[in-house]
Amino acid sequence: MKIAIPVTEYRGLESPVSGHFGSAPAFALVDPETMSIEELGNRDHNHVHGACSPMKALAGARPEVVIVGGIGLGALTGLRAAGVQVYRCADGTVADAVRRFKAAQLAQIEETGACSGHAAGHSCHTS
């Protein structure tokens, strides 16, 4: 199994989890059994807001799971269409997120929990 986690800065397992999937500069791709990790640059980082191509962003990697603080409906729908499960982890590091996932402490993100914008008063549900 592979888990992709968008990060604000890549520092291996100590990378901070990003609050936004599409605007994260990089992703950590983690094997939760071995905790081996690799960095993926966000290949769709400069997309128009609301038009993120999640599989392009993940540079062709095919994770079974994405863990993120917040995600737009388009990216969420695209990931689900590719068979990827999406879970929310609003804070902490990659290691924290994987530990919480393995302990079944993370909730899947539903359509009603998707972010609808980044303007003042946006509706990302990052908690």
C-alpha atoms as a PDB file:
ATOM      1  CA  MET A   1       0.000   0.000   0.000  1.00  0.00           C
ATOM      2  CA  LYS A   2       1.101   3.565  -0.689  1.00  0.00           C
ATOM      3  CA  ILE A   3      -0.191   6.687   1.047  1.00  0.00           C
ATOM      4  CA  ALA A   4       0.281  10.149  -0.507  1.00  0.00           C
ATOM      5  CA  ILE A   5       0.345  13.120   1.839  1.00  0.00           C
ATOM      6  CA  PRO A   6       0.622  16.706   0.587  1.00  0.00           C
ATOM      7  CA  VAL A   7       3.195  18.622   2.616  1.00  0.00           C
ATOM      8  CA  THR A   8       4.072  22.286   3.059  1.00  0.00           C
ATOM      9  CA  GLU A   9       7.797  21.492   3.082  1.00  0.00           C
ATOM     10  CA  TYR A  10       9.473  18.142   2.448  1.00  0.00           C
ATOM     11  CA  ARG A  11      11.421  16.934   5.515  1.00  0.00           C
ATOM     12  CA  GLY A  12      10.876  13.192   5.262  1.00  0.00           C
ATOM     13  CA  LEU A  13       8.638  11.749   7.979  1.00  0.00           C
ATOM     14  CA  GLU A  14       8.799  15.095   9.812  1.00  0.00           C
ATOM     15  CA  SER A  15       7.195  16.956   6.881  1.00  0.00           C
ATOM     16  CA  PRO A  16       4.197  19.045   7.990  1.00  0.00           C
ATOM     17  CA  VAL A  17       0.856  17.928   6.502  1.00  0.00           C
ATOM     18  CA  SER A  18      -0.561  20.561   4.138  1.00  0.00           C
ATOM     19  CA  GLY A  19      -3.984  22.068   4.647  1.00  0.00           C
ATOM     20  CA  HIS A  20      -4.631  22.107   0.895  1.00  0.00           C
ATOM     21  CA  PHE A  21      -4.089  19.283  -1.591  1.00  0.00           C
ATOM     22  CA  GLY A  22      -3.690  21.249  -4.825  1.00  0.00           C
ATOM     23  CA  SER A  23      -1.522  24.066  -3.512  1.00  0.00           C
ATOM     24  CA  ALA A  24       0.967  21.873  -1.644  1.00  0.00           C
ATOM     25  CA  PRO A  25       4.430  22.172  -3.188  1.00  0.00           C
ATOM     26  CA  ALA A  26       5.184  18.480  -2.677  1.00  0.00           C
ATOM     27  CA  PHE A  27       3.804  15.129  -1.597  1.00  0.00           C
ATOM     28  CA  ALA A  28       5.291  12.459   0.638  1.00  0.00           C
ATOM     29  CA  LEU A  29       4.655   8.960  -0.701  1.00  0.00           C
ATOM     30  CA  VAL A  30       4.798   6.537   2.228  1.00  0.00           C
ATOM     31  CA  ASP A  31       4.653   2.769   2.608  1.00  0.00           C
ATOM     32  CA  PRO A  32       2.881   2.470   5.981  1.00  0.00           C
ATOM     33  CA  GLU A  33       4.331  -0.976   6.701  1.00  0.00           C
ATOM     34  CA  THR A  34       8.007  -0.111   6.235  1.00  0.00           C
ATOM     35  CA  MET A  35       7.671   3.674   6.692  1.00  0.00           C
ATOM     36  CA  SER A  36       9.842   4.117   3.611  1.00  0.00           C
ATOM     37  CA  ILE A  37       9.192   7.512   2.060  1.00  0.00           C
ATOM     38  CA  GLU A  38       9.893   9.385  -1.136  1.00  0.00           C
ATOM     39  CA  GLU A  39       9.244  12.938  -2.272  1.00  0.00           C
ATOM     40  CA  LEU A  40       7.017  13.787  -5.220  1.00  0.00           C
ATOM     41  CA  GLY A  41       6.930  17.333  -6.543  1.00  0.00           C
ATOM     42  CA  ASN A  42       3.420  18.659  -7.242  1.00  0.00           C
ATOM     43  CA  ARG A  43       3.240  18.454 -11.054  1.00  0.00           C
ATOM     44  CA  ASP A  44       0.030  20.538 -11.141  1.00  0.00           C
ATOM     45  CA  HIS A  45       1.033  23.183  -8.591  1.00  0.00           C
ATOM     46  CA  ASN A  46       0.246  26.133 -10.881  1.00  0.00           C
ATOM     47  CA  HIS A  47      -3.292  25.038 -11.795  1.00  0.00           C
ATOM     48  CA  VAL A  48      -6.203  27.466 -11.881  1.00  0.00           C
ATOM     49  CA  HIS A  49      -8.019  27.310  -8.528  1.00  0.00           C
ATOM     50  CA  GLY A  50     -10.721  24.654  -8.694  1.00  0.00           C
ATOM     51  CA  ALA A  51      -9.118  22.910 -11.662  1.00  0.00           C
ATOM     52  CA  CYS A  52      -6.548  20.682  -9.967  1.00  0.00           C
ATOM     53  CA  SER A  53      -5.811  17.432 -11.769  1.00  0.00           C
ATOM     54  CA  PRO A  54      -5.018  15.191  -8.802  1.00  0.00           C
ATOM     55  CA  MET A  55      -3.366  12.367 -10.709  1.00  0.00           C
ATOM     56  CA  LYS A  56      -1.197  14.872 -12.623  1.00  0.00           C
ATOM     57  CA  ALA A  57      -0.301  16.538  -9.305  1.00  0.00           C
ATOM     58  CA  LEU A  58       0.827  13.150  -7.964  1.00  0.00           C
ATOM     59  CA  ALA A  59       3.220  12.746 -10.916  1.00  0.00           C
ATOM     60  CA  GLY A  60       1.622   9.493 -12.016  1.00  0.00           C
ATOM     61  CA  ALA A  61       1.995   7.815  -8.619  1.00  0.00           C
ATOM     62  CA  ARG A  62      -0.971   5.580  -7.819  1.00  0.00           C
ATOM     63  CA  PRO A  63      -1.524   5.693  -4.049  1.00  0.00           C
ATOM     64  CA  GLU A  64      -4.404   3.796  -2.509  1.00  0.00           C
ATOM     65  CA  VAL A  65      -4.881   6.537   0.096  1.00  0.00           C
ATOM     66  CA  VAL A  66      -4.403  10.311   0.325  1.00  0.00           C
ATOM     67  CA  ILE A  67      -4.270  12.022   3.719  1.00  0.00           C
ATOM     68  CA  VAL A  68      -4.725  15.825   3.705  1.00  0.00           C
ATOM     69  CA  GLY A  69      -5.948  18.732   5.805  1.00  0.00           C
ATOM     70  CA  GLY A  70      -8.297  20.064   3.113  1.00  0.00           C
ATOM     71  CA  ILE A  71      -9.183  19.372  -0.504  1.00  0.00           C
ATOM     72  CA  GLY A  72     -11.425  20.873  -3.157  1.00  0.00           C
ATOM     73  CA  LEU A  73     -14.376  18.984  -4.564  1.00  0.00           C
ATOM     74  CA  GLY A  74     -12.797  18.590  -8.019  1.00  0.00           C
ATOM     75  CA  ALA A  75      -9.639  16.984  -6.650  1.00  0.00           C
ATOM     76  CA  LEU A  76     -11.654  14.840  -4.224  1.00  0.00           C
ATOM     77  CA  THR A  77     -13.884  13.628  -7.051  1.00  0.00           C
ATOM     78  CA  GLY A  78     -10.883  12.932  -9.287  1.00  0.00           C
ATOM     79  CA  LEU A  79      -9.101  10.917  -6.626  1.00  0.00           C
ATOM     80  CA  ARG A  80     -12.211   8.899  -5.825  1.00  0.00           C
ATOM     81  CA  ALA A  81     -12.763   8.191  -9.534  1.00  0.00           C
ATOM     82  CA  ALA A  82      -9.234   6.740  -9.591  1.00  0.00           C
ATOM     83  CA  GLY A  83     -10.101   4.488  -6.637  1.00  0.00           C
ATOM     84  CA  VAL A  84      -8.176   6.519  -4.049  1.00  0.00           C
ATOM     85  CA  GLN A  85      -9.589   6.870  -0.525  1.00  0.00           C
ATOM     86  CA  VAL A  86      -9.168  10.373   0.973  1.00  0.00           C
ATOM     87  CA  TYR A  87      -8.802  10.979   4.721  1.00  0.00           C
ATOM     88  CA  ARG A  88      -8.508  14.185   6.750  1.00  0.00           C
ATOM     89  CA  CYS A  89      -5.590  14.942   9.056  1.00  0.00           C
ATOM     90  CA  ALA A  90      -5.542  18.671   9.737  1.00  0.00           C
ATOM     91  CA  ASP A  91      -2.279  18.926  11.647  1.00  0.00           C
ATOM     92  CA  GLY A  92       0.954  17.222  12.538  1.00  0.00           C
ATOM     93  CA  THR A  93       3.629  15.519  10.510  1.00  0.00           C
ATOM     94  CA  VAL A  94       3.622  12.756   7.926  1.00  0.00           C
ATOM     95  CA  ALA A  95       4.621  10.285  10.658  1.00  0.00           C
ATOM     96  CA  ASP A  96       1.687  11.475  12.814  1.00  0.00           C
ATOM     97  CA  ALA A  97      -0.755  11.131   9.910  1.00  0.00           C
ATOM     98  CA  VAL A  98       0.367   7.605   9.066  1.00  0.00           C
ATOM     99  CA  ARG A  99       0.217   6.570  12.734  1.00  0.00           C
ATOM    100  CA  ARG A 100      -3.342   7.950  13.024  1.00  0.00           C
ATOM    101  CA  PHE A 101      -4.361   6.217   9.778  1.00  0.00           C
ATOM    102  CA  LYS A 102      -3.010   2.868  10.972  1.00  0.00           C
ATOM    103  CA  ALA A 103      -4.904   3.313  14.268  1.00  0.00           C
ATOM    104  CA  ALA A 104      -8.148   4.060  12.350  1.00  0.00           C
ATOM    105  CA  GLN A 105      -8.313   7.551  13.893  1.00  0.00           C
ATOM    106  CA  LEU A 106      -8.899   9.477  10.650  1.00  0.00           C
ATOM    107  CA  ALA A 107     -12.245  10.106   8.957  1.00  0.00           C
ATOM    108  CA  GLN A 108     -12.770   9.890   5.219  1.00  0.00           C
ATOM    109  CA  ILE A 109     -13.545  13.223   3.580  1.00  0.00           C
ATOM    110  CA  GLU A 110     -17.046  13.375   2.114  1.00  0.00           C
ATOM    111  CA  GLU A 111     -18.221  15.808  -0.578  1.00  0.00           C
ATOM    112  CA  THR A 112     -19.799  18.062   2.062  1.00  0.00           C
ATOM    113  CA  GLY A 113     -16.390  18.359   3.726  1.00  0.00           C
ATOM    114  CA  ALA A 114     -14.581  19.594   0.605  1.00  0.00           C
ATOM    115  CA  CYS A 115     -13.123  23.094   0.434  1.00  0.00           C
ATOM    116  CA  SER A 116     -15.055  25.547  -1.746  1.00  0.00           C
ATOM    117  CA  GLY A 117     -12.526  28.378  -1.965  1.00  0.00           C
ATOM    118  CA  HIS A 118      -9.559  30.208  -0.519  1.00  0.00           C
ATOM    119  CA  ALA A 119     -11.002  33.707  -0.173  1.00  0.00           C
ATOM    120  CA  ALA A 120     -11.680  35.290   3.217  1.00  0.00           C
ATOM    121  CA  GLY A 121     -14.118  33.092   5.094  1.00  0.00           C
ATOM    122  CA  HIS A 122     -13.398  30.064   2.906  1.00  0.00           C
ATOM    123  CA  SER A 123     -14.988  26.779   3.865  1.00  0.00           C
ATOM    124  CA  CYS A 124     -12.106  24.336   4.157  1.00  0.00           C
ATOM    125  CA  HIS A 125     -12.979  21.969   6.956  1.00  0.00           C
ATOM    126  CA  THR A 126      -9.494  21.479   8.349  1.00  0.00           C
ATOM    127  CA  SER A 127     -10.421  20.541  11.860  1.00  0.00           C
END
